[in-house]
Amino acid sequence: MSTHEDKGHIIPNSTLVAVWLALLVLTVITVAASRVDLGALNIWVALGIACSKSALVITFFMHMKYENWLFRLFLLIALVTLAVFIGFTFFDTLYRQPI
């Protein structure tokens, strides 16, 4: 049996409720933004809101806020790489000429 006790990170319930409410507000904003025609900006608005929601989930619910800086850096690099690939895909499909 180990003598080392790892209790984890205890986040106050008020913080978790505040994050949950922020996620609900961002979901309402997502639905409202889908009803507005912004042309080519619709996808960028949707991705921006989705990135905000995922940042909240990763930071608080997955406890990334309390991880080592190196682990956070590698997660950031992975997410930026994913965003670049998604962005290039949208640029490609946005400016394609019909045959």
PDB file of N, CA and C in Angstrom:
ATOM      1  N   MET A   1       0.829  -1.175   0.000  1.00  0.00           N
ATOM      2  CA  MET A   1       0.000   0.000   0.000  1.00  0.00           C
ATOM      3  C   MET A   1       0.880   1.247   0.000  1.00  0.00           C
ATOM      4  N   SER A   2       0.479   2.204  -0.778  1.00  0.00           N
ATOM      5  CA  SER A   2       1.270   3.423  -0.917  1.00  0.00           C
ATOM      6  C   SER A   2       0.973   4.405   0.217  1.00  0.00           C
ATOM      7  N   THR A   3       2.015   5.105   0.651  1.00  0.00           N
ATOM      8  CA  THR A   3       1.825   6.122   1.687  1.00  0.00           C
ATOM      9  C   THR A   3       1.490   7.479   1.086  1.00  0.00           C
ATOM     10  N   HIS A   4       1.658   7.580  -0.222  1.00  0.00           N
ATOM     11  CA  HIS A   4       1.387   8.844  -0.909  1.00  0.00           C
ATOM     12  C   HIS A   4      -0.105   8.940  -1.207  1.00  0.00           C
ATOM     13  N   GLU A   5      -0.711  10.007  -0.731  1.00  0.00           N
ATOM     14  CA  GLU A   5      -2.131  10.213  -1.000  1.00  0.00           C
ATOM     15  C   GLU A   5      -2.292  11.270  -2.079  1.00  0.00           C
ATOM     16  N   ASP A   6      -3.005  10.886  -3.123  1.00  0.00           N
ATOM     17  CA  ASP A   6      -3.281  11.818  -4.203  1.00  0.00           C
ATOM     18  C   ASP A   6      -4.772  12.120  -4.183  1.00  0.00           C
ATOM     19  N   LYS A   7      -5.118  13.267  -3.635  1.00  0.00           N
ATOM     20  CA  LYS A   7      -6.525  13.627  -3.516  1.00  0.00           C
ATOM     21  C   LYS A   7      -7.047  14.330  -4.760  1.00  0.00           C
ATOM     22  N   GLY A   8      -6.178  14.676  -5.684  1.00  0.00           N
ATOM     23  CA  GLY A   8      -6.619  15.361  -6.883  1.00  0.00           C
ATOM     24  C   GLY A   8      -6.865  16.831  -6.627  1.00  0.00           C
ATOM     25  N   HIS A   9      -7.505  17.450  -7.580  1.00  0.00           N
ATOM     26  CA  HIS A   9      -7.793  18.873  -7.490  1.00  0.00           C
ATOM     27  C   HIS A   9      -9.263  19.046  -7.150  1.00  0.00           C
ATOM     28  N   ILE A  10      -9.506  19.743  -6.108  1.00  0.00           N
ATOM     29  CA  ILE A  10     -10.880  19.977  -5.685  1.00  0.00           C
ATOM     30  C   ILE A  10     -11.285  21.370  -6.153  1.00  0.00           C
ATOM     31  N   ILE A  11     -12.277  21.395  -7.018  1.00  0.00           N
ATOM     32  CA  ILE A  11     -12.791  22.651  -7.550  1.00  0.00           C
ATOM     33  C   ILE A  11     -14.102  22.946  -6.828  1.00  0.00           C
ATOM     34  N   PRO A  12     -14.284  24.159  -6.345  1.00  0.00           N
ATOM     35  CA  PRO A  12     -15.533  24.482  -5.646  1.00  0.00           C
ATOM     36  C   PRO A  12     -16.755  24.301  -6.545  1.00  0.00           C
ATOM     37  N   ASN A  13     -17.856  23.912  -5.951  1.00  0.00           N
ATOM     38  CA  ASN A  13     -19.085  23.719  -6.715  1.00  0.00           C
ATOM     39  C   ASN A  13     -19.539  25.001  -7.393  1.00  0.00           C
ATOM     40  N   SER A  14     -19.272  26.131  -6.776  1.00  0.00           N
ATOM     41  CA  SER A  14     -19.682  27.398  -7.386  1.00  0.00           C
ATOM     42  C   SER A  14     -18.963  27.629  -8.716  1.00  0.00           C
ATOM     43  N   THR A  15     -17.702  27.224  -8.791  1.00  0.00           N
ATOM     44  CA  THR A  15     -16.956  27.359 -10.048  1.00  0.00           C
ATOM     45  C   THR A  15     -17.531  26.432 -11.114  1.00  0.00           C
ATOM     46  N   LEU A  16     -17.840  25.205 -10.718  1.00  0.00           N
ATOM     47  CA  LEU A  16     -18.399  24.251 -11.672  1.00  0.00           C
ATOM     48  C   LEU A  16     -19.774  24.708 -12.169  1.00  0.00           C
ATOM     49  N   VAL A  17     -20.570  25.263 -11.292  1.00  0.00           N
ATOM     50  CA  VAL A  17     -21.883  25.774 -11.700  1.00  0.00           C
ATOM     51  C   VAL A  17     -21.720  26.972 -12.626  1.00  0.00           C
ATOM     52  N   ALA A  18     -20.767  27.840 -12.341  1.00  0.00           N
ATOM     53  CA  ALA A  18     -20.524  29.001 -13.202  1.00  0.00           C
ATOM     54  C   ALA A  18     -20.074  28.563 -14.596  1.00  0.00           C
ATOM     55  N   VAL A  19     -19.212  27.560 -14.662  1.00  0.00           N
ATOM     56  CA  VAL A  19     -18.766  27.045 -15.962  1.00  0.00           C
ATOM     57  C   VAL A  19     -19.938  26.408 -16.698  1.00  0.00           C
ATOM     58  N   TRP A  20     -20.760  25.661 -15.977  1.00  0.00           N
ATOM     59  CA  TRP A  20     -21.930  25.031 -16.586  1.00  0.00           C
ATOM     60  C   TRP A  20     -22.876  26.085 -17.148  1.00  0.00           C
ATOM     61  N   LEU A  21     -23.112  27.161 -16.384  1.00  0.00           N
ATOM     62  CA  LEU A  21     -23.973  28.236 -16.879  1.00  0.00           C
ATOM     63  C   LEU A  21     -23.364  28.926 -18.099  1.00  0.00           C
ATOM     64  N   ALA A  22     -22.052  29.101 -18.087  1.00  0.00           N
ATOM     65  CA  ALA A  22     -21.383  29.690 -19.254  1.00  0.00           C
ATOM     66  C   ALA A  22     -21.548  28.793 -20.472  1.00  0.00           C
ATOM     67  N   LEU A  23     -21.454  27.481 -20.273  1.00  0.00           N
ATOM     68  CA  LEU A  23     -21.656  26.543 -21.380  1.00  0.00           C
ATOM     69  C   LEU A  23     -23.092  26.611 -21.897  1.00  0.00           C
ATOM     70  N   LEU A  24     -24.055  26.770 -21.001  1.00  0.00           N
ATOM     71  CA  LEU A  24     -25.445  26.910 -21.441  1.00  0.00           C
ATOM     72  C   LEU A  24     -25.650  28.198 -22.238  1.00  0.00           C
ATOM     73  N   VAL A  25     -25.047  29.287 -21.770  1.00  0.00           N
ATOM     74  CA  VAL A  25     -25.163  30.557 -22.492  1.00  0.00           C
ATOM     75  C   VAL A  25     -24.520  30.446 -23.874  1.00  0.00           C
ATOM     76  N   LEU A  26     -23.354  29.808 -23.940  1.00  0.00           N
ATOM     77  CA  LEU A  26     -22.695  29.639 -25.237  1.00  0.00           C
ATOM     78  C   LEU A  26     -23.505  28.731 -26.161  1.00  0.00           C
ATOM     79  N   THR A  27     -24.221  27.765 -25.601  1.00  0.00           N
ATOM     80  CA  THR A  27     -25.092  26.925 -26.427  1.00  0.00           C
ATOM     81  C   THR A  27     -26.242  27.738 -26.994  1.00  0.00           C
ATOM     82  N   VAL A  28     -26.822  28.622 -26.184  1.00  0.00           N
ATOM     83  CA  VAL A  28     -27.892  29.498 -26.677  1.00  0.00           C
ATOM     84  C   VAL A  28     -27.346  30.423 -27.763  1.00  0.00           C
ATOM     85  N   ILE A  29     -26.144  30.926 -27.575  1.00  0.00           N
ATOM     86  CA  ILE A  29     -25.522  31.780 -28.591  1.00  0.00           C
ATOM     87  C   ILE A  29     -25.275  30.992 -29.880  1.00  0.00           C
ATOM     88  N   THR A  30     -24.895  29.733 -29.741  1.00  0.00           N
ATOM     89  CA  THR A  30     -24.691  28.888 -30.920  1.00  0.00           C
ATOM     90  C   THR A  30     -25.982  28.745 -31.711  1.00  0.00           C
ATOM     91  N   VAL A  31     -27.070  28.475 -31.016  1.00  0.00           N
ATOM     92  CA  VAL A  31     -28.363  28.323 -31.690  1.00  0.00           C
ATOM     93  C   VAL A  31     -28.795  29.645 -32.318  1.00  0.00           C
ATOM     94  N   ALA A  32     -28.599  30.750 -31.609  1.00  0.00           N
ATOM     95  CA  ALA A  32     -28.971  32.063 -32.157  1.00  0.00           C
ATOM     96  C   ALA A  32     -28.123  32.411 -33.369  1.00  0.00           C
ATOM     97  N   ALA A  33     -26.844  32.091 -33.323  1.00  0.00           N
ATOM     98  CA  ALA A  33     -25.959  32.402 -34.455  1.00  0.00           C
ATOM     99  C   ALA A  33     -26.298  31.553 -35.676  1.00  0.00           C
ATOM    100  N   SER A  34     -26.848  30.371 -35.451  1.00  0.00           N
ATOM    101  CA  SER A  34     -27.209  29.538 -36.596  1.00  0.00           C
ATOM    102  C   SER A  34     -28.421  30.076 -37.336  1.00  0.00           C
ATOM    103  N   ARG A  35     -29.190  30.923 -36.682  1.00  0.00           N
ATOM    104  CA  ARG A  35     -30.382  31.514 -37.309  1.00  0.00           C
ATOM    105  C   ARG A  35     -30.057  32.779 -38.112  1.00  0.00           C
ATOM    106  N   VAL A  36     -28.860  33.315 -37.952  1.00  0.00           N
ATOM    107  CA  VAL A  36     -28.465  34.542 -38.640  1.00  0.00           C
ATOM    108  C   VAL A  36     -27.603  34.165 -39.846  1.00  0.00           C
ATOM    109  N   ASP A  37     -27.915  34.747 -40.993  1.00  0.00           N
ATOM    110  CA  ASP A  37     -27.140  34.457 -42.196  1.00  0.00           C
ATOM    111  C   ASP A  37     -25.965  35.432 -42.286  1.00  0.00           C
ATOM    112  N   LEU A  38     -24.780  34.926 -42.048  1.00  0.00           N
ATOM    113  CA  LEU A  38     -23.567  35.735 -42.132  1.00  0.00           C
ATOM    114  C   LEU A  38     -22.719  35.372 -43.347  1.00  0.00           C
ATOM    115  N   GLY A  39     -23.260  34.550 -44.209  1.00  0.00           N
ATOM    116  CA  GLY A  39     -22.513  34.127 -45.399  1.00  0.00           C
ATOM    117  C   GLY A  39     -21.389  33.182 -45.019  1.00  0.00           C
ATOM    118  N   ALA A  40     -20.194  33.498 -45.480  1.00  0.00           N
ATOM    119  CA  ALA A  40     -19.033  32.651 -45.231  1.00  0.00           C
ATOM    120  C   ALA A  40     -18.568  32.713 -43.779  1.00  0.00           C
ATOM    121  N   LEU A  41     -19.022  33.708 -43.035  1.00  0.00           N
ATOM    122  CA  LEU A  41     -18.607  33.836 -41.636  1.00  0.00           C
ATOM    123  C   LEU A  41     -19.359  32.892 -40.694  1.00  0.00           C
ATOM    124  N   ASN A  42     -20.437  32.278 -41.162  1.00  0.00           N
ATOM    125  CA  ASN A  42     -21.208  31.373 -40.298  1.00  0.00           C
ATOM    126  C   ASN A  42     -20.333  30.286 -39.694  1.00  0.00           C
ATOM    127  N   ILE A  43     -19.500  29.683 -40.518  1.00  0.00           N
ATOM    128  CA  ILE A  43     -18.676  28.575 -40.032  1.00  0.00           C
ATOM    129  C   ILE A  43     -17.632  29.062 -39.039  1.00  0.00           C
ATOM    130  N   TRP A  44     -17.100  30.259 -39.259  1.00  0.00           N
ATOM    131  CA  TRP A  44     -16.077  30.785 -38.352  1.00  0.00           C
ATOM    132  C   TRP A  44     -16.679  31.173 -37.009  1.00  0.00           C
ATOM    133  N   VAL A  45     -17.888  31.700 -37.031  1.00  0.00           N
ATOM    134  CA  VAL A  45     -18.572  32.018 -35.775  1.00  0.00           C
ATOM    135  C   VAL A  45     -18.862  30.736 -35.003  1.00  0.00           C
ATOM    136  N   ALA A  46     -19.363  29.726 -35.710  1.00  0.00           N
ATOM    137  CA  ALA A  46     -19.657  28.441 -35.060  1.00  0.00           C
ATOM    138  C   ALA A  46     -18.393  27.808 -34.484  1.00  0.00           C
ATOM    139  N   LEU A  47     -17.297  27.858 -35.227  1.00  0.00           N
ATOM    140  CA  LEU A  47     -16.042  27.300 -34.720  1.00  0.00           C
ATOM    141  C   LEU A  47     -15.496  28.098 -33.543  1.00  0.00           C
ATOM    142  N   GLY A  48     -15.656  29.410 -33.567  1.00  0.00           N
ATOM    143  CA  GLY A  48     -15.200  30.233 -32.450  1.00  0.00           C
ATOM    144  C   GLY A  48     -15.957  29.919 -31.164  1.00  0.00           C
ATOM    145  N   ILE A  49     -17.270  29.768 -31.286  1.00  0.00           N
ATOM    146  CA  ILE A  49     -18.075  29.427 -30.117  1.00  0.00           C
ATOM    147  C   ILE A  49     -17.730  28.026 -29.632  1.00  0.00           C
ATOM    148  N   ALA A  50     -17.546  27.082 -30.555  1.00  0.00           N
ATOM    149  CA  ALA A  50     -17.184  25.717 -30.176  1.00  0.00           C
ATOM    150  C   ALA A  50     -15.818  25.671 -29.490  1.00  0.00           C
ATOM    151  N   CYS A  51     -14.889  26.487 -29.959  1.00  0.00           N
ATOM    152  CA  CYS A  51     -13.567  26.549 -29.310  1.00  0.00           C
ATOM    153  C   CYS A  51     -13.676  27.114 -27.897  1.00  0.00           C
ATOM    154  N   SER A  52     -14.525  28.097 -27.721  1.00  0.00           N
ATOM    155  CA  SER A  52     -14.726  28.652 -26.382  1.00  0.00           C
ATOM    156  C   SER A  52     -15.306  27.611 -25.430  1.00  0.00           C
ATOM    157  N   LYS A  53     -16.297  26.863 -25.916  1.00  0.00           N
ATOM    158  CA  LYS A  53     -16.895  25.831 -25.071  1.00  0.00           C
ATOM    159  C   LYS A  53     -15.897  24.722 -24.757  1.00  0.00           C
ATOM    160  N   SER A  54     -15.121  24.312 -25.743  1.00  0.00           N
ATOM    161  CA  SER A  54     -14.143  23.253 -25.481  1.00  0.00           C
ATOM    162  C   SER A  54     -13.037  23.734 -24.549  1.00  0.00           C
ATOM    163  N   ALA A  55     -12.682  25.007 -24.624  1.00  0.00           N
ATOM    164  CA  ALA A  55     -11.670  25.539 -23.712  1.00  0.00           C
ATOM    165  C   ALA A  55     -12.166  25.511 -22.267  1.00  0.00           C
ATOM    166  N   LEU A  56     -13.432  25.826 -22.067  1.00  0.00           N
ATOM    167  CA  LEU A  56     -13.991  25.752 -20.718  1.00  0.00           C
ATOM    168  C   LEU A  56     -13.996  24.323 -20.182  1.00  0.00           C
ATOM    169  N   VAL A  57     -14.396  23.397 -21.034  1.00  0.00           N
ATOM    170  CA  VAL A  57     -14.446  21.992 -20.610  1.00  0.00           C
ATOM    171  C   VAL A  57     -13.048  21.467 -20.304  1.00  0.00           C
ATOM    172  N   ILE A  58     -12.102  21.749 -21.185  1.00  0.00           N
ATOM    173  CA  ILE A  58     -10.733  21.268 -20.975  1.00  0.00           C
ATOM    174  C   ILE A  58     -10.114  21.898 -19.739  1.00  0.00           C
ATOM    175  N   THR A  59     -10.342  23.197 -19.547  1.00  0.00           N
ATOM    176  CA  THR A  59      -9.714  23.899 -18.431  1.00  0.00           C
ATOM    177  C   THR A  59     -10.243  23.449 -17.080  1.00  0.00           C
ATOM    178  N   PHE A  60     -11.550  23.361 -16.942  1.00  0.00           N
ATOM    179  CA  PHE A  60     -12.125  23.110 -15.622  1.00  0.00           C
ATOM    180  C   PHE A  60     -12.530  21.659 -15.397  1.00  0.00           C
ATOM    181  N   PHE A  61     -13.272  21.064 -16.328  1.00  0.00           N
ATOM    182  CA  PHE A  61     -13.757  19.713 -16.097  1.00  0.00           C
ATOM    183  C   PHE A  61     -12.670  18.662 -16.286  1.00  0.00           C
ATOM    184  N   MET A  62     -11.696  18.942 -17.145  1.00  0.00           N
ATOM    185  CA  MET A  62     -10.590  18.000 -17.338  1.00  0.00           C
ATOM    186  C   MET A  62      -9.358  18.398 -16.525  1.00  0.00           C
ATOM    187  N   HIS A  63      -9.469  19.434 -15.711  1.00  0.00           N
ATOM    188  CA  HIS A  63      -8.433  19.887 -14.772  1.00  0.00           C
ATOM    189  C   HIS A  63      -7.115  20.275 -15.450  1.00  0.00           C
ATOM    190  N   MET A  64      -7.192  20.740 -16.678  1.00  0.00           N
ATOM    191  CA  MET A  64      -5.972  21.143 -17.378  1.00  0.00           C
ATOM    192  C   MET A  64      -5.354  22.378 -16.729  1.00  0.00           C
ATOM    193  N   LYS A  65      -6.138  23.128 -16.019  1.00  0.00           N
ATOM    194  CA  LYS A  65      -5.655  24.322 -15.337  1.00  0.00           C
ATOM    195  C   LYS A  65      -4.577  23.980 -14.308  1.00  0.00           C
ATOM    196  N   TYR A  66      -4.619  22.771 -13.797  1.00  0.00           N
ATOM    197  CA  TYR A  66      -3.709  22.381 -12.730  1.00  0.00           C
ATOM    198  C   TYR A  66      -2.581  21.459 -13.205  1.00  0.00           C
ATOM    199  N   GLU A  67      -2.475  21.250 -14.495  1.00  0.00           N
ATOM    200  CA  GLU A  67      -1.434  20.367 -15.035  1.00  0.00           C
ATOM    201  C   GLU A  67      -0.112  21.114 -15.206  1.00  0.00           C
ATOM    202  N   ASN A  68       0.913  20.355 -15.470  1.00  0.00           N
ATOM    203  CA  ASN A  68       2.249  20.883 -15.720  1.00  0.00           C
ATOM    204  C   ASN A  68       2.230  21.747 -16.990  1.00  0.00           C
ATOM    205  N   TRP A  69       3.088  22.752 -17.048  1.00  0.00           N
ATOM    206  CA  TRP A  69       3.110  23.668 -18.197  1.00  0.00           C
ATOM    207  C   TRP A  69       3.476  22.938 -19.486  1.00  0.00           C
ATOM    208  N   LEU A  70       4.315  21.923 -19.403  1.00  0.00           N
ATOM    209  CA  LEU A  70       4.718  21.198 -20.608  1.00  0.00           C
ATOM    210  C   LEU A  70       3.543  20.418 -21.201  1.00  0.00           C
ATOM    211  N   PHE A  71       2.748  19.816 -20.339  1.00  0.00           N
ATOM    212  CA  PHE A  71       1.573  19.082 -20.793  1.00  0.00           C
ATOM    213  C   PHE A  71       0.570  20.024 -21.444  1.00  0.00           C
ATOM    214  N   ARG A  72       0.390  21.214 -20.862  1.00  0.00           N
ATOM    215  CA  ARG A  72      -0.511  22.210 -21.447  1.00  0.00           C
ATOM    216  C   ARG A  72       0.008  22.704 -22.794  1.00  0.00           C
ATOM    217  N   LEU A  73       1.339  22.851 -22.898  1.00  0.00           N
ATOM    218  CA  LEU A  73       1.930  23.295 -24.162  1.00  0.00           C
ATOM    219  C   LEU A  73       1.686  22.282 -25.274  1.00  0.00           C
ATOM    220  N   PHE A  74       1.870  20.996 -24.971  1.00  0.00           N
ATOM    221  CA  PHE A  74       1.640  19.972 -25.986  1.00  0.00           C
ATOM    222  C   PHE A  74       0.176  19.885 -26.390  1.00  0.00           C
ATOM    223  N   LEU A  75      -0.723  20.088 -25.448  1.00  0.00           N
ATOM    224  CA  LEU A  75      -2.144  20.116 -25.794  1.00  0.00           C
ATOM    225  C   LEU A  75      -2.441  21.311 -26.693  1.00  0.00           C
ATOM    226  N   LEU A  76      -1.865  22.453 -26.384  1.00  0.00           N
ATOM    227  CA  LEU A  76      -2.064  23.642 -27.214  1.00  0.00           C
ATOM    228  C   LEU A  76      -1.535  23.418 -28.630  1.00  0.00           C
ATOM    229  N   ILE A  77      -0.377  22.811 -28.752  1.00  0.00           N
ATOM    230  CA  ILE A  77       0.193  22.529 -30.072  1.00  0.00           C
ATOM    231  C   ILE A  77      -0.716  21.587 -30.860  1.00  0.00           C
ATOM    232  N   ALA A  78      -1.238  20.570 -30.195  1.00  0.00           N
ATOM    233  CA  ALA A  78      -2.138  19.631 -30.871  1.00  0.00           C
ATOM    234  C   ALA A  78      -3.416  20.328 -31.327  1.00  0.00           C
ATOM    235  N   LEU A  79      -3.966  21.197 -30.489  1.00  0.00           N
ATOM    236  CA  LEU A  79      -5.197  21.891 -30.854  1.00  0.00           C
ATOM    237  C   LEU A  79      -4.975  22.915 -31.964  1.00  0.00           C
ATOM    238  N   VAL A  80      -3.845  23.588 -31.941  1.00  0.00           N
ATOM    239  CA  VAL A  80      -3.535  24.538 -33.019  1.00  0.00           C
ATOM    240  C   VAL A  80      -3.346  23.793 -34.340  1.00  0.00           C
ATOM    241  N   THR A  81      -2.680  22.658 -34.296  1.00  0.00           N
ATOM    242  CA  THR A  81      -2.510  21.842 -35.503  1.00  0.00           C
ATOM    243  C   THR A  81      -3.861  21.399 -36.049  1.00  0.00           C
ATOM    244  N   LEU A  82      -4.743  20.957 -35.175  1.00  0.00           N
ATOM    245  CA  LEU A  82      -6.091  20.574 -35.601  1.00  0.00           C
ATOM    246  C   LEU A  82      -6.831  21.749 -36.211  1.00  0.00           C
ATOM    247  N   ALA A  83      -6.719  22.921 -35.592  1.00  0.00           N
ATOM    248  CA  ALA A  83      -7.389  24.115 -36.113  1.00  0.00           C
ATOM    249  C   ALA A  83      -6.848  24.503 -37.489  1.00  0.00           C
ATOM    250  N   VAL A  84      -5.560  24.359 -37.693  1.00  0.00           N
ATOM    251  CA  VAL A  84      -4.978  24.667 -39.006  1.00  0.00           C
ATOM    252  C   VAL A  84      -5.521  23.716 -40.065  1.00  0.00           C
ATOM    253  N   PHE A  85      -5.580  22.430 -39.750  1.00  0.00           N
ATOM    254  CA  PHE A  85      -6.108  21.464 -40.723  1.00  0.00           C
ATOM    255  C   PHE A  85      -7.575  21.737 -41.034  1.00  0.00           C
ATOM    256  N   ILE A  86      -8.363  22.035 -40.017  1.00  0.00           N
ATOM    257  CA  ILE A  86      -9.777  22.346 -40.259  1.00  0.00           C
ATOM    258  C   ILE A  86      -9.898  23.642 -41.054  1.00  0.00           C
ATOM    259  N   GLY A  87      -9.092  24.636 -40.717  1.00  0.00           N
ATOM    260  CA  GLY A  87      -9.135  25.895 -41.456  1.00  0.00           C
ATOM    261  C   GLY A  87      -8.772  25.741 -42.919  1.00  0.00           C
ATOM    262  N   PHE A  88      -7.726  24.978 -43.210  1.00  0.00           N
ATOM    263  CA  PHE A  88      -7.358  24.742 -44.611  1.00  0.00           C
ATOM    264  C   PHE A  88      -8.440  23.971 -45.352  1.00  0.00           C
ATOM    265  N   THR A  89      -9.100  23.054 -44.669  1.00  0.00           N
ATOM    266  CA  THR A  89     -10.190  22.321 -45.308  1.00  0.00           C
ATOM    267  C   THR A  89     -11.325  23.267 -45.672  1.00  0.00           C
ATOM    268  N   PHE A  90     -11.666  24.190 -44.777  1.00  0.00           N
ATOM    269  CA  PHE A  90     -12.733  25.136 -45.076  1.00  0.00           C
ATOM    270  C   PHE A  90     -12.326  26.115 -46.165  1.00  0.00           C
ATOM    271  N   PHE A  91     -11.077  26.556 -46.172  1.00  0.00           N
ATOM    272  CA  PHE A  91     -10.629  27.422 -47.264  1.00  0.00           C
ATOM    273  C   PHE A  91     -10.719  26.696 -48.593  1.00  0.00           C
ATOM    274  N   ASP A  92     -10.359  25.430 -48.611  1.00  0.00           N
ATOM    275  CA  ASP A  92     -10.392  24.650 -49.840  1.00  0.00           C
ATOM    276  C   ASP A  92     -11.824  24.522 -50.355  1.00  0.00           C
ATOM    277  N   THR A  93     -12.750  24.173 -49.483  1.00  0.00           N
ATOM    278  CA  THR A  93     -14.132  23.982 -49.938  1.00  0.00           C
ATOM    279  C   THR A  93     -14.838  25.306 -50.204  1.00  0.00           C
ATOM    280  N   LEU A  94     -14.427  26.378 -49.553  1.00  0.00           N
ATOM    281  CA  LEU A  94     -15.079  27.666 -49.740  1.00  0.00           C
ATOM    282  C   LEU A  94     -14.775  28.258 -51.115  1.00  0.00           C
ATOM    283  N   TYR A  95     -13.561  28.096 -51.571  1.00  0.00           N
ATOM    284  CA  TYR A  95     -13.142  28.746 -52.828  1.00  0.00           C
ATOM    285  C   TYR A  95     -13.061  27.802 -54.010  1.00  0.00           C
ATOM    286  N   ARG A  96     -13.654  26.637 -53.926  1.00  0.00           N
ATOM    287  CA  ARG A  96     -13.667  25.733 -55.077  1.00  0.00           C
ATOM    288  C   ARG A  96     -14.615  26.235 -56.144  1.00  0.00           C
ATOM    289  N   GLN A  97     -14.218  26.055 -57.367  1.00  0.00           N
ATOM    290  CA  GLN A  97     -15.049  26.431 -58.492  1.00  0.00           C
ATOM    291  C   GLN A  97     -15.848  25.206 -58.949  1.00  0.00           C
ATOM    292  N   PRO A  98     -17.136  25.369 -59.160  1.00  0.00           N
ATOM    293  CA  PRO A  98     -17.916  24.212 -59.660  1.00  0.00           C
ATOM    294  C   PRO A  98     -17.473  23.839 -61.063  1.00  0.00           C
ATOM    295  N   ILE A  99     -17.522  22.575 -61.319  1.00  0.00           N
ATOM    296  CA  ILE A  99     -17.084  22.077 -62.645  1.00  0.00           C
ATOM    297  C   ILE A  99     -18.228  22.105 -63.613  1.00  0.00           C
TER     298      ILE A  99
END
